[in-house]
C-alpha atoms as a PDB file:
ATOM      1  CA  PHE A   1      -5.591  19.638   8.734  1.00  0.00           C
ATOM      2  CA  ILE A   2      -6.752  18.165   5.446  1.00  0.00           C
ATOM      3  CA  ILE A   3     -10.287  17.038   4.623  1.00  0.00           C
ATOM      4  CA  GLU A   4      -8.894  14.248   2.460  1.00  0.00           C
ATOM      5  CA  ASP A   5      -7.230  12.794   5.552  1.00  0.00           C
ATOM      6  CA  ILE A   6     -10.618  12.578   7.284  1.00  0.00           C
ATOM      7  CA  GLN A   7     -12.146  10.783   4.300  1.00  0.00           C
ATOM      8  CA  TYR A   8      -9.176   8.407   4.277  1.00  0.00           C
ATOM      9  CA  LEU A   9      -9.518   7.679   7.989  1.00  0.00           C
ATOM     10  CA  ARG A  10     -13.257   7.102   7.536  1.00  0.00           C
ATOM     11  CA  GLN A  11     -12.546   4.575   4.798  1.00  0.00           C
ATOM     12  CA  ARG A  12      -9.962   2.819   6.949  1.00  0.00           C
ATOM     13  CA  SER A  13     -12.275   2.677   9.961  1.00  0.00           C
ATOM     14  CA  GLN A  14     -15.098   1.388   7.750  1.00  0.00           C
ATOM     15  CA  VAL A  15     -12.873  -1.412   6.468  1.00  0.00           C
ATOM     16  CA  ILE A  16     -11.893  -2.332  10.022  1.00  0.00           C
ATOM     17  CA  ILE A  17     -15.558  -2.333  11.080  1.00  0.00           C
ATOM     18  CA  ASP A  18     -16.487  -4.557   8.133  1.00  0.00           C
ATOM     19  CA  ALA A  19     -13.684  -6.971   9.011  1.00  0.00           C
ATOM     20  CA  ALA A  20     -14.832  -7.073  12.637  1.00  0.00           C
ATOM     21  CA  HIS A  21     -18.393  -7.863  11.573  1.00  0.00           C
ATOM     22  CA  LYS A  22     -17.193 -10.689   9.335  1.00  0.00           C
ATOM     23  CA  GLU A  23     -15.399 -12.309  12.270  1.00  0.00           C
ATOM     24  CA  TYR A  24     -18.662 -12.677  14.185  1.00  0.00           C
END
């Protein structure tokens, strides 16, 4: 369990959320 992995996943999810918002 690595904290860096959590930060990476948060960045990835944020990018996906941003992309989803742009589609609307």
